[in-house]
PDB file of N, CA and C in Angstrom:
ATOM      1  N   MET A   1     113.497  86.555  61.249  1.00  0.00           N
ATOM      2  CA  MET A   1     112.637  87.462  61.920  1.00  0.00           C
ATOM      3  C   MET A   1     112.634  88.890  61.348  1.00  0.00           C
ATOM      4  N   THR A   2     111.664  89.270  61.457  1.00  0.00           N
ATOM      5  CA  THR A   2     111.215  90.543  60.804  1.00  0.00           C
ATOM      6  C   THR A   2     111.590  91.346  61.914  1.00  0.00           C
ATOM      7  N   ASP A   3     111.892  92.841  61.613  1.00  0.00           N
ATOM      8  CA  ASP A   3     112.066  93.613  62.483  1.00  0.00           C
ATOM      9  C   ASP A   3     111.026  94.068  63.456  1.00  0.00           C
ATOM     10  N   VAL A   4     109.791  94.090  63.210  1.00  0.00           N
ATOM     11  CA  VAL A   4     108.462  93.995  63.895  1.00  0.00           C
ATOM     12  C   VAL A   4     108.732  92.797  65.040  1.00  0.00           C
ATOM     13  N   ALA A   5     109.280  91.910  64.776  1.00  0.00           N
ATOM     14  CA  ALA A   5     109.054  90.626  65.650  1.00  0.00           C
ATOM     15  C   ALA A   5     109.867  90.542  66.768  1.00  0.00           C
ATOM     16  N   THR A   6     110.883  91.464  66.604  1.00  0.00           N
ATOM     17  CA  THR A   6     112.070  91.698  67.497  1.00  0.00           C
ATOM     18  C   THR A   6     111.650  92.990  68.259  1.00  0.00           C
ATOM     19  N   LYS A   7     111.126  93.706  68.146  1.00  0.00           N
ATOM     20  CA  LYS A   7     110.795  94.963  69.025  1.00  0.00           C
ATOM     21  C   LYS A   7     109.829  94.609  69.884  1.00  0.00           C
ATOM     22  N   PRO A   8     109.967  95.193  71.284  1.00  0.00           N
ATOM     23  CA  PRO A   8     109.157  94.884  72.218  1.00  0.00           C
ATOM     24  C   PRO A   8     107.780  95.521  72.106  1.00  0.00           C
ATOM     25  N   ARG A   9     106.551  95.355  72.238  1.00  0.00           N
ATOM     26  CA  ARG A   9     105.607  95.995  72.239  1.00  0.00           C
ATOM     27  C   ARG A   9     105.193  97.332  72.950  1.00  0.00           C
ATOM     28  N   PRO A  10     105.285  98.242  72.482  1.00  0.00           N
ATOM     29  CA  PRO A  10     105.088  99.496  73.297  1.00  0.00           C
ATOM     30  C   PRO A  10     103.974  99.421  74.374  1.00  0.00           C
ATOM     31  N   THR A  11     103.894  99.855  74.997  1.00  0.00           N
ATOM     32  CA  THR A  11     102.539  99.941  76.476  1.00  0.00           C
ATOM     33  C   THR A  11     102.358 101.662  76.139  1.00  0.00           C
ATOM     34  N   ARG A  12     101.167 101.781  76.605  1.00  0.00           N
ATOM     35  CA  ARG A  12     100.761 103.271  76.698  1.00  0.00           C
ATOM     36  C   ARG A  12     101.340 103.986  77.790  1.00  0.00           C
ATOM     37  N   PRO A  13     101.897 105.331  77.966  1.00  0.00           N
ATOM     38  CA  PRO A  13     102.433 105.876  78.929  1.00  0.00           C
ATOM     39  C   PRO A  13     101.087 106.024  80.103  1.00  0.00           C
ATOM     40  N   GLY A  14     101.684 105.986  81.136  1.00  0.00           N
ATOM     41  CA  GLY A  14     100.831 106.101  82.224  1.00  0.00           C
ATOM     42  C   GLY A  14      99.892 104.840  82.808  1.00  0.00           C
ATOM     43  N   THR A  15     100.034 103.765  82.166  1.00  0.00           N
ATOM     44  CA  THR A  15      99.008 102.780  82.115  1.00  0.00           C
ATOM     45  C   THR A  15      99.121 101.729  83.170  1.00  0.00           C
ATOM     46  N   SER A  16     100.381 101.262  83.833  1.00  0.00           N
ATOM     47  CA  SER A  16     100.809 100.448  84.942  1.00  0.00           C
ATOM     48  C   SER A  16     102.116 101.078  85.220  1.00  0.00           C
ATOM     49  N   LEU A  17     102.307 100.634  86.663  1.00  0.00           N
ATOM     50  CA  LEU A  17     103.615 101.072  87.496  1.00  0.00           C
ATOM     51  C   LEU A  17     104.359  99.462  87.854  1.00  0.00           C
ATOM     52  N   ARG A  18     105.081  99.236  86.454  1.00  0.00           N
ATOM     53  CA  ARG A  18     105.932  97.994  86.713  1.00  0.00           C
ATOM     54  C   ARG A  18     105.153  96.801  86.536  1.00  0.00           C
ATOM     55  N   GLY A  19     104.008  96.912  86.059  1.00  0.00           N
ATOM     56  CA  GLY A  19     103.004  95.822  85.926  1.00  0.00           C
ATOM     57  C   GLY A  19     101.972  95.767  86.693  1.00  0.00           C
ATOM     58  N   TYR A  20     101.593  96.830  87.475  1.00  0.00           N
ATOM     59  CA  TYR A  20     100.677  96.729  88.510  1.00  0.00           C
ATOM     60  C   TYR A  20     100.086  98.044  87.976  1.00  0.00           C
ATOM     61  N   SER A  21      98.815  97.853  87.849  1.00  0.00           N
ATOM     62  CA  SER A  21      97.897  99.245  87.494  1.00  0.00           C
ATOM     63  C   SER A  21      97.630 100.190  88.711  1.00  0.00           C
ATOM     64  N   ALA A  22      97.260 101.535  88.315  1.00  0.00           N
ATOM     65  CA  ALA A  22      97.466 102.218  89.574  1.00  0.00           C
ATOM     66  C   ALA A  22      96.177 102.231  90.079  1.00  0.00           C
ATOM     67  N   PRO A  23      95.044 101.970  89.787  1.00  0.00           N
ATOM     68  CA  PRO A  23      93.938 101.514  91.013  1.00  0.00           C
ATOM     69  C   PRO A  23      94.316 100.746  91.893  1.00  0.00           C
ATOM     70  N   LEU A  24      95.221  99.514  91.541  1.00  0.00           N
ATOM     71  CA  LEU A  24      95.360  98.450  92.500  1.00  0.00           C
ATOM     72  C   LEU A  24      96.373  99.185  93.447  1.00  0.00           C
ATOM     73  N   VAL A  25      97.417  99.827  93.125  1.00  0.00           N
ATOM     74  CA  VAL A  25      98.402 100.430  94.033  1.00  0.00           C
ATOM     75  C   VAL A  25      97.827 101.439  94.483  1.00  0.00           C
ATOM     76  N   LEU A  26      96.582 102.226  94.464  1.00  0.00           N
ATOM     77  CA  LEU A  26      96.155 102.919  95.151  1.00  0.00           C
ATOM     78  C   LEU A  26      95.300 102.415  96.488  1.00  0.00           C
ATOM     79  N   LEU A  27      94.892 101.186  95.874  1.00  0.00           N
ATOM     80  CA  LEU A  27      93.894 100.357  96.904  1.00  0.00           C
ATOM     81  C   LEU A  27      94.681  99.634  97.839  1.00  0.00           C
ATOM     82  N   LEU A  28      95.663  99.375  97.424  1.00  0.00           N
ATOM     83  CA  LEU A  28      96.214  98.725  98.323  1.00  0.00           C
ATOM     84  C   LEU A  28      97.105  99.479  99.539  1.00  0.00           C
ATOM     85  N   GLY A  29      97.837 100.578  98.877  1.00  0.00           N
ATOM     86  CA  GLY A  29      98.760 101.465  99.396  1.00  0.00           C
ATOM     87  C   GLY A  29      97.808 102.515 100.556  1.00  0.00           C
ATOM     88  N   LEU A  30      96.451 102.955 100.002  1.00  0.00           N
ATOM     89  CA  LEU A  30      95.401 103.664 100.645  1.00  0.00           C
ATOM     90  C   LEU A  30      94.759 102.811 101.882  1.00  0.00           C
ATOM     91  N   LEU A  31      94.232 101.584 101.384  1.00  0.00           N
ATOM     92  CA  LEU A  31      93.253 101.058 102.066  1.00  0.00           C
ATOM     93  C   LEU A  31      93.824  99.599 102.949  1.00  0.00           C
ATOM     94  N   VAL A  32      94.426  98.659 101.900  1.00  0.00           N
ATOM     95  CA  VAL A  32      94.447  97.263 102.663  1.00  0.00           C
ATOM     96  C   VAL A  32      95.484  97.222 103.204  1.00  0.00           C
ATOM     97  N   VAL A  33      96.784  97.554 103.066  1.00  0.00           N
ATOM     98  CA  VAL A  33      98.006  97.793 103.916  1.00  0.00           C
ATOM     99  C   VAL A  33      97.701  98.353 105.355  1.00  0.00           C
ATOM    100  N   PRO A  34      97.229  99.401 105.256  1.00  0.00           N
ATOM    101  CA  PRO A  34      97.146 100.333 106.391  1.00  0.00           C
ATOM    102  C   PRO A  34      95.593  99.618 107.511  1.00  0.00           C
ATOM    103  N   VAL A  35      94.921  98.947 106.844  1.00  0.00           N
ATOM    104  CA  VAL A  35      94.001  98.098 107.751  1.00  0.00           C
ATOM    105  C   VAL A  35      94.462  97.136 108.561  1.00  0.00           C
ATOM    106  N   ALA A  36      95.240  96.271 107.407  1.00  0.00           N
ATOM    107  CA  ALA A  36      95.806  95.051 107.763  1.00  0.00           C
ATOM    108  C   ALA A  36      97.364  95.618 108.897  1.00  0.00           C
ATOM    109  N   LEU A  37      97.631  96.694 108.775  1.00  0.00           N
ATOM    110  CA  LEU A  37      98.587  96.910 110.075  1.00  0.00           C
ATOM    111  C   LEU A  37      97.792  97.105 110.917  1.00  0.00           C
ATOM    112  N   ALA A  38      96.878  98.207 111.114  1.00  0.00           N
ATOM    113  CA  ALA A  38      96.041  98.362 112.279  1.00  0.00           C
ATOM    114  C   ALA A  38      95.614  97.262 112.829  1.00  0.00           C
ATOM    115  N   LEU A  39      94.820  96.370 112.021  1.00  0.00           N
ATOM    116  CA  LEU A  39      94.471  94.737 112.837  1.00  0.00           C
ATOM    117  C   LEU A  39      95.887  94.251 113.493  1.00  0.00           C
ATOM    118  N   LEU A  40      96.523  94.209 112.297  1.00  0.00           N
ATOM    119  CA  LEU A  40      98.005  93.475 113.182  1.00  0.00           C
ATOM    120  C   LEU A  40      98.555  93.552 114.558  1.00  0.00           C
ATOM    121  N   THR A  41      98.196  94.750 114.901  1.00  0.00           N
ATOM    122  CA  THR A  41      98.896  95.630 116.191  1.00  0.00           C
ATOM    123  C   THR A  41      97.730  95.829 117.212  1.00  0.00           C
ATOM    124  N   THR A  42      96.431  95.659 117.037  1.00  0.00           N
ATOM    125  CA  THR A  42      95.399  95.571 117.810  1.00  0.00           C
ATOM    126  C   THR A  42      95.620  94.632 118.837  1.00  0.00           C
ATOM    127  N   PRO A  43      95.685  95.148 120.123  1.00  0.00           N
ATOM    128  CA  PRO A  43      95.727  94.179 121.280  1.00  0.00           C
ATOM    129  C   PRO A  43      94.631  93.281 121.338  1.00  0.00           C
ATOM    130  N   GLU A  44      94.585  92.059 121.896  1.00  0.00           N
ATOM    131  CA  GLU A  44      93.201  91.324 122.353  1.00  0.00           C
ATOM    132  C   GLU A  44      92.486  91.945 123.385  1.00  0.00           C
ATOM    133  N   GLY A  45      93.420  92.329 124.609  1.00  0.00           N
ATOM    134  CA  GLY A  45      92.891  92.654 125.755  1.00  0.00           C
ATOM    135  C   GLY A  45      93.224  93.964 126.045  1.00  0.00           C
ATOM    136  N   ALA A  46      92.973  94.250 127.115  1.00  0.00           N
ATOM    137  CA  ALA A  46      93.641  95.598 127.395  1.00  0.00           C
ATOM    138  C   ALA A  46      95.070  96.040 127.135  1.00  0.00           C
ATOM    139  N   PRO A  47      95.415  97.329 126.610  1.00  0.00           N
ATOM    140  CA  PRO A  47      96.330  97.464 126.052  1.00  0.00           C
ATOM    141  C   PRO A  47      97.471  97.847 127.024  1.00  0.00           C
ATOM    142  N   ALA A  48      98.796  97.714 126.881  1.00  0.00           N
ATOM    143  CA  ALA A  48      99.979  97.875 128.103  1.00  0.00           C
ATOM    144  C   ALA A  48     100.659  99.207 127.093  1.00  0.00           C
ATOM    145  N   ASP A  49     101.400  99.518 127.841  1.00  0.00           N
ATOM    146  CA  ASP A  49     102.247 100.786 127.313  1.00  0.00           C
ATOM    147  C   ASP A  49     102.952 100.261 125.706  1.00  0.00           C
ATOM    148  N   GLU A  50     103.492  99.036 125.614  1.00  0.00           N
ATOM    149  CA  GLU A  50     104.145  98.312 124.750  1.00  0.00           C
ATOM    150  C   GLU A  50     103.332  98.555 123.401  1.00  0.00           C
ATOM    151  N   ASP A  51     101.708  98.035 123.894  1.00  0.00           N
ATOM    152  CA  ASP A  51     100.675  97.732 122.856  1.00  0.00           C
ATOM    153  C   ASP A  51     100.442  99.384 122.150  1.00  0.00           C
ATOM    154  N   TYR A  52     100.568 100.200 122.939  1.00  0.00           N
ATOM    155  CA  TYR A  52     100.548 101.855 122.514  1.00  0.00           C
ATOM    156  C   TYR A  52     101.598 102.054 121.646  1.00  0.00           C
ATOM    157  N   VAL A  53     102.837 101.791 121.748  1.00  0.00           N
ATOM    158  CA  VAL A  53     103.643 102.118 121.034  1.00  0.00           C
ATOM    159  C   VAL A  53     103.866 101.388 119.942  1.00  0.00           C
ATOM    160  N   ARG A  54     103.350 100.019 119.937  1.00  0.00           N
ATOM    161  CA  ARG A  54     103.309  99.059 118.588  1.00  0.00           C
ATOM    162  C   ARG A  54     102.082  99.750 117.810  1.00  0.00           C
ATOM    163  N   MET A  55     101.015 100.278 118.405  1.00  0.00           N
ATOM    164  CA  MET A  55      99.995 100.609 117.446  1.00  0.00           C
ATOM    165  C   MET A  55     100.398 102.229 116.548  1.00  0.00           C
ATOM    166  N   ALA A  56     101.114 102.758 117.499  1.00  0.00           N
ATOM    167  CA  ALA A  56     101.549 104.019 117.052  1.00  0.00           C
ATOM    168  C   ALA A  56     102.485 103.878 115.932  1.00  0.00           C
ATOM    169  N   PHE A  57     103.497 103.051 116.219  1.00  0.00           N
ATOM    170  CA  PHE A  57     104.264 102.545 114.698  1.00  0.00           C
ATOM    171  C   PHE A  57     103.820 102.089 113.518  1.00  0.00           C
ATOM    172  N   ALA A  58     102.920 101.299 113.968  1.00  0.00           N
ATOM    173  CA  ALA A  58     102.164 100.619 112.935  1.00  0.00           C
ATOM    174  C   ALA A  58     101.222 101.744 112.147  1.00  0.00           C
ATOM    175  N   SER A  59     100.718 102.814 112.701  1.00  0.00           N
ATOM    176  CA  SER A  59     100.009 104.182 112.244  1.00  0.00           C
ATOM    177  C   SER A  59     100.943 105.040 111.249  1.00  0.00           C
ATOM    178  N   VAL A  60     102.039 105.170 111.885  1.00  0.00           N
ATOM    179  CA  VAL A  60     102.862 106.043 111.185  1.00  0.00           C
ATOM    180  C   VAL A  60     103.443 105.349 109.575  1.00  0.00           C
ATOM    181  N   ALA A  61     103.804 103.674 110.059  1.00  0.00           N
ATOM    182  CA  ALA A  61     104.229 103.102 108.626  1.00  0.00           C
ATOM    183  C   ALA A  61     103.111 103.081 107.680  1.00  0.00           C
ATOM    184  N   ALA A  62     101.709 102.799 108.309  1.00  0.00           N
ATOM    185  CA  ALA A  62     100.321 102.995 107.283  1.00  0.00           C
ATOM    186  C   ALA A  62     100.638 104.390 106.579  1.00  0.00           C
ATOM    187  N   CYS A  63     100.849 105.339 107.405  1.00  0.00           N
ATOM    188  CA  CYS A  63     100.740 106.761 106.846  1.00  0.00           C
ATOM    189  C   CYS A  63     101.602 106.819 105.785  1.00  0.00           C
ATOM    190  N   THR A  64     103.167 106.487 105.979  1.00  0.00           N
ATOM    191  CA  THR A  64     104.183 106.096 105.215  1.00  0.00           C
ATOM    192  C   THR A  64     104.035 105.588 103.962  1.00  0.00           C
ATOM    193  N   ILE A  65     103.294 104.675 104.150  1.00  0.00           N
ATOM    194  CA  ILE A  65     103.106 103.661 102.923  1.00  0.00           C
ATOM    195  C   ILE A  65     101.843 104.422 101.956  1.00  0.00           C
ATOM    196  N   ALA A  66     101.182 104.909 102.681  1.00  0.00           N
ATOM    197  CA  ALA A  66      99.987 106.070 101.728  1.00  0.00           C
ATOM    198  C   ALA A  66     100.990 106.947 101.143  1.00  0.00           C
ATOM    199  N   ILE A  67     101.646 107.672 101.835  1.00  0.00           N
ATOM    200  CA  ILE A  67     102.357 108.628 100.584  1.00  0.00           C
ATOM    201  C   ILE A  67     103.270 108.097 100.108  1.00  0.00           C
ATOM    202  N   VAL A  68     104.075 107.173 100.303  1.00  0.00           N
ATOM    203  CA  VAL A  68     104.734 106.913  99.363  1.00  0.00           C
ATOM    204  C   VAL A  68     104.082 106.184  98.021  1.00  0.00           C
ATOM    205  N   SER A  69     103.021 105.456  98.154  1.00  0.00           N
ATOM    206  CA  SER A  69     102.373 105.032  97.308  1.00  0.00           C
ATOM    207  C   SER A  69     101.723 106.057  96.381  1.00  0.00           C
ATOM    208  N   VAL A  70     100.940 107.302  96.838  1.00  0.00           N
ATOM    209  CA  VAL A  70     100.463 108.333  95.763  1.00  0.00           C
ATOM    210  C   VAL A  70     101.671 109.160  95.224  1.00  0.00           C
ATOM    211  N   VAL A  71     102.919 109.244  95.795  1.00  0.00           N
ATOM    212  CA  VAL A  71     103.849 109.926  95.340  1.00  0.00           C
ATOM    213  C   VAL A  71     104.656 109.397  94.370  1.00  0.00           C
ATOM    214  N   GLY A  72     104.857 108.134  94.539  1.00  0.00           N
ATOM    215  CA  GLY A  72     105.462 107.096  93.750  1.00  0.00           C
ATOM    216  C   GLY A  72     104.545 106.890  92.362  1.00  0.00           C
ATOM    217  N   LEU A  73     103.400 106.908  92.299  1.00  0.00           N
ATOM    218  CA  LEU A  73     102.363 106.951  91.067  1.00  0.00           C
ATOM    219  C   LEU A  73     102.599 108.342  90.368  1.00  0.00           C
ATOM    220  N   LEU A  74     102.503 109.512  91.308  1.00  0.00           N
ATOM    221  CA  LEU A  74     102.770 110.667  90.715  1.00  0.00           C
ATOM    222  C   LEU A  74     103.952 110.604  89.787  1.00  0.00           C
ATOM    223  N   VAL A  75     105.165 110.322  90.433  1.00  0.00           N
ATOM    224  CA  VAL A  75     106.509 110.480  89.959  1.00  0.00           C
ATOM    225  C   VAL A  75     106.322 109.498  88.464  1.00  0.00           C
ATOM    226  N   ASP A  76     105.936 108.304  88.460  1.00  0.00           N
ATOM    227  CA  ASP A  76     105.891 107.578  87.656  1.00  0.00           C
ATOM    228  C   ASP A  76     105.191 108.012  86.585  1.00  0.00           C
ATOM    229  N   ARG A  77     103.841 108.404  86.876  1.00  0.00           N
ATOM    230  CA  ARG A  77     103.059 109.354  85.478  1.00  0.00           C
ATOM    231  C   ARG A  77     104.010 110.439  84.959  1.00  0.00           C
ATOM    232  N   ILE A  78     105.018 110.922  85.920  1.00  0.00           N
ATOM    233  CA  ILE A  78     105.555 112.488  85.155  1.00  0.00           C
ATOM    234  C   ILE A  78     106.741 111.740  84.363  1.00  0.00           C
ATOM    235  N   VAL A  79     107.349 110.779  84.704  1.00  0.00           N
ATOM    236  CA  VAL A  79     108.345 109.837  84.391  1.00  0.00           C
ATOM    237  C   VAL A  79     108.033 109.397  83.003  1.00  0.00           C
ATOM    238  N   ARG A  80     107.037 108.775  83.129  1.00  0.00           N
ATOM    239  CA  ARG A  80     106.392 108.037  81.574  1.00  0.00           C
ATOM    240  C   ARG A  80     105.674 109.146  80.616  1.00  0.00           C
ATOM    241  N   ARG A  81     105.578 110.620  80.900  1.00  0.00           N
ATOM    242  CA  ARG A  81     105.297 111.375  79.918  1.00  0.00           C
ATOM    243  C   ARG A  81     103.871 110.969  79.859  1.00  0.00           C
ATOM    244  N   ALA A  82     103.159 110.603  81.033  1.00  0.00           N
ATOM    245  CA  ALA A  82     101.429 110.636  80.633  1.00  0.00           C
ATOM    246  C   ALA A  82     101.024 111.873  80.171  1.00  0.00           C
ATOM    247  N   THR A  83      99.388 111.741  79.698  1.00  0.00           N
ATOM    248  CA  THR A  83      98.638 112.823  79.315  1.00  0.00           C
ATOM    249  C   THR A  83      98.669 114.023  80.590  1.00  0.00           C
ATOM    250  N   PRO A  84      98.533 115.274  80.172  1.00  0.00           N
ATOM    251  CA  PRO A  84      98.481 116.285  81.418  1.00  0.00           C
ATOM    252  C   PRO A  84      97.421 116.148  82.320  1.00  0.00           C
ATOM    253  N   SER A  85      96.197 115.533  81.569  1.00  0.00           N
ATOM    254  CA  SER A  85      95.057 115.413  82.658  1.00  0.00           C
ATOM    255  C   SER A  85      95.353 114.049  83.485  1.00  0.00           C
ATOM    256  N   THR A  86      96.313 113.180  83.264  1.00  0.00           N
ATOM    257  CA  THR A  86      96.546 112.018  83.976  1.00  0.00           C
ATOM    258  C   THR A  86      97.354 112.586  85.166  1.00  0.00           C
ATOM    259  N   ILE A  87      98.534 113.371  84.927  1.00  0.00           N
ATOM    260  CA  ILE A  87      99.018 113.957  85.774  1.00  0.00           C
ATOM    261  C   ILE A  87      98.696 114.773  86.699  1.00  0.00           C
ATOM    262  N   ALA A  88      97.778 115.731  86.123  1.00  0.00           N
ATOM    263  CA  ALA A  88      96.821 116.552  86.813  1.00  0.00           C
ATOM    264  C   ALA A  88      96.195 115.695  88.135  1.00  0.00           C
ATOM    265  N   LEU A  89      95.391 114.829  87.493  1.00  0.00           N
ATOM    266  CA  LEU A  89      94.633 113.694  88.546  1.00  0.00           C
ATOM    267  C   LEU A  89      95.419 113.143  89.712  1.00  0.00           C
ATOM    268  N   PHE A  90      96.449 112.677  89.226  1.00  0.00           N
ATOM    269  CA  PHE A  90      97.388 112.073  90.271  1.00  0.00           C
ATOM    270  C   PHE A  90      98.021 113.048  91.364  1.00  0.00           C
ATOM    271  N   ALA A  91      98.268 114.427  90.949  1.00  0.00           N
ATOM    272  CA  ALA A  91      98.668 115.595  91.464  1.00  0.00           C
ATOM    273  C   ALA A  91      97.767 115.842  92.606  1.00  0.00           C
ATOM    274  N   VAL A  92      96.493 115.815  92.096  1.00  0.00           N
ATOM    275  CA  VAL A  92      95.299 116.256  93.110  1.00  0.00           C
ATOM    276  C   VAL A  92      95.289 115.212  93.966  1.00  0.00           C
ATOM    277  N   ILE A  93      95.158 113.962  93.698  1.00  0.00           N
ATOM    278  CA  ILE A  93      95.295 112.900  95.018  1.00  0.00           C
ATOM    279  C   ILE A  93      96.225 112.738  95.478  1.00  0.00           C
ATOM    280  N   ALA A  94      97.278 113.135  95.103  1.00  0.00           N
ATOM    281  CA  ALA A  94      98.972 113.588  96.177  1.00  0.00           C
ATOM    282  C   ALA A  94      98.695 114.750  96.881  1.00  0.00           C
ATOM    283  N   LEU A  95      97.985 115.872  96.440  1.00  0.00           N
ATOM    284  CA  LEU A  95      97.983 116.901  97.292  1.00  0.00           C
ATOM    285  C   LEU A  95      96.785 116.782  98.205  1.00  0.00           C
ATOM    286  N   VAL A  96      95.833 115.757  98.313  1.00  0.00           N
ATOM    287  CA  VAL A  96      94.868 115.589  99.182  1.00  0.00           C
ATOM    288  C   VAL A  96      95.364 114.528 100.324  1.00  0.00           C
ATOM    289  N   VAL A  97      96.281 113.691  99.783  1.00  0.00           N
ATOM    290  CA  VAL A  97      96.548 112.405 100.665  1.00  0.00           C
ATOM    291  C   VAL A  97      97.700 112.857 101.180  1.00  0.00           C
ATOM    292  N   VAL A  98      98.802 113.277 100.915  1.00  0.00           N
ATOM    293  CA  VAL A  98      99.979 113.890 101.424  1.00  0.00           C
ATOM    294  C   VAL A  98      99.738 114.709 103.096  1.00  0.00           C
ATOM    295  N   PRO A  99      98.970 115.562 102.998  1.00  0.00           N
ATOM    296  CA  PRO A  99      98.778 116.572 103.882  1.00  0.00           C
ATOM    297  C   PRO A  99      97.843 115.702 104.875  1.00  0.00           C
ATOM    298  N   TRP A 100      96.808 115.026 104.650  1.00  0.00           N
ATOM    299  CA  TRP A 100      96.371 114.185 105.487  1.00  0.00           C
ATOM    300  C   TRP A 100      96.945 113.122 106.107  1.00  0.00           C
ATOM    301  N   GLN A 101      97.839 112.714 105.461  1.00  0.00           N
ATOM    302  CA  GLN A 101      98.823 111.433 106.252  1.00  0.00           C
ATOM    303  C   GLN A 101      99.626 112.039 107.095  1.00  0.00           C
ATOM    304  N   LEU A 102     100.514 113.364 106.541  1.00  0.00           N
ATOM    305  CA  LEU A 102     100.950 113.819 107.722  1.00  0.00           C
ATOM    306  C   LEU A 102     100.011 113.800 109.123  1.00  0.00           C
ATOM    307  N   SER A 103      99.152 114.766 108.764  1.00  0.00           N
ATOM    308  CA  SER A 103      98.082 115.089 110.141  1.00  0.00           C
ATOM    309  C   SER A 103      98.064 113.621 111.034  1.00  0.00           C
ATOM    310  N   GLY A 104      97.991 112.653 110.213  1.00  0.00           N
ATOM    311  CA  GLY A 104      97.955 111.206 110.761  1.00  0.00           C
ATOM    312  C   GLY A 104      99.088 111.028 111.545  1.00  0.00           C
ATOM    313  N   ILE A 105     100.207 111.249 111.066  1.00  0.00           N
ATOM    314  CA  ILE A 105     101.341 110.985 111.603  1.00  0.00           C
ATOM    315  C   ILE A 105     101.511 111.757 112.917  1.00  0.00           C
ATOM    316  N   SER A 106     101.195 112.953 113.035  1.00  0.00           N
ATOM    317  CA  SER A 106     101.299 114.115 114.117  1.00  0.00           C
ATOM    318  C   SER A 106     100.233 113.426 115.116  1.00  0.00           C
ATOM    319  N   GLY A 107      98.885 113.204 114.729  1.00  0.00           N
ATOM    320  CA  GLY A 107      97.805 112.609 115.586  1.00  0.00           C
ATOM    321  C   GLY A 107      98.398 111.193 116.140  1.00  0.00           C
ATOM    322  N   ALA A 108      99.029 110.451 115.437  1.00  0.00           N
ATOM    323  CA  ALA A 108      99.801 109.210 116.114  1.00  0.00           C
ATOM    324  C   ALA A 108     101.027 109.878 117.365  1.00  0.00           C
ATOM    325  N   SER A 109     101.586 110.140 117.093  1.00  0.00           N
ATOM    326  CA  SER A 109     102.257 111.038 117.827  1.00  0.00           C
ATOM    327  C   SER A 109     101.789 111.581 119.171  1.00  0.00           C
ATOM    328  N   ASP A 110     100.839 112.518 119.197  1.00  0.00           N
ATOM    329  CA  ASP A 110      99.879 113.062 120.190  1.00  0.00           C
ATOM    330  C   ASP A 110      99.128 111.936 121.025  1.00  0.00           C
ATOM    331  N   LEU A 111      98.549 111.167 120.502  1.00  0.00           N
ATOM    332  CA  LEU A 111      97.872 110.058 120.523  1.00  0.00           C
ATOM    333  C   LEU A 111      98.792 109.142 121.869  1.00  0.00           C
ATOM    334  N   LEU A 112     100.061 109.023 121.037  1.00  0.00           N
ATOM    335  CA  LEU A 112     100.617 108.177 121.837  1.00  0.00           C
ATOM    336  C   LEU A 112     101.392 108.889 123.468  1.00  0.00           C
ATOM    337  N   LEU A 113     101.454 110.021 123.352  1.00  0.00           N
ATOM    338  CA  LEU A 113     101.951 110.671 124.501  1.00  0.00           C
ATOM    339  C   LEU A 113     100.902 110.887 125.362  1.00  0.00           C
ATOM    340  N   THR A 114      99.669 111.065 124.800  1.00  0.00           N
ATOM    341  CA  THR A 114      98.245 110.896 125.590  1.00  0.00           C
ATOM    342  C   THR A 114      98.191 109.733 126.705  1.00  0.00           C
ATOM    343  N   ARG A 115      98.532 108.756 125.591  1.00  0.00           N
ATOM    344  CA  ARG A 115      98.012 106.994 126.295  1.00  0.00           C
ATOM    345  C   ARG A 115      98.860 106.959 127.214  1.00  0.00           C
ATOM    346  N   LEU A 116     100.356 107.327 127.157  1.00  0.00           N
ATOM    347  CA  LEU A 116     101.441 107.180 127.936  1.00  0.00           C
ATOM    348  C   LEU A 116     101.873 107.871 129.103  1.00  0.00           C
ATOM    349  N   SER A 117     100.726 108.824 129.222  1.00  0.00           N
ATOM    350  CA  SER A 117     100.667 109.877 130.420  1.00  0.00           C
ATOM    351  C   SER A 117     101.927 110.824 130.336  1.00  0.00           C
ATOM    352  N   LEU A 118     102.339 111.023 129.013  1.00  0.00           N
ATOM    353  CA  LEU A 118     103.679 111.813 129.030  1.00  0.00           C
ATOM    354  C   LEU A 118     103.358 113.434 128.789  1.00  0.00           C
TER     355      LEU A 118
END
C-alpha cells in the first residue's frame, strides 16, 4: 500500500458534526424535537395539574435542547477551526437563540405558576 492509501481522507473544517450536517442539527434541535415534545405532552381532554407540570417540563426540555444544539454547533466550529465567517454566523445564531430560549424557560415557569394558581 502506498502512503496515500493508508491516510484517512481529510474533511473540510466546519462541514459536519460527527457525520451530521449543521442544517440537520439546527432543524432537529430548533424545530422537530421541540414540536414533537409539545405534541407528546399535550393532553387530549381538559388538562389537570399533572398535565400542566408535564407540559412545563417538556417546554423546558425543548428550550434546553435548542440551546445545546446551537452552542454545540458553535463550539464544534471553533474546535474544528472553521473559517471566521462560519464561526461568526454560528455565533450570531447562538446569540439570537440562547436568550430567546432562556426567556421561554422563564415563561414556562410563569405559565405553570399561573395555571396552578400559585
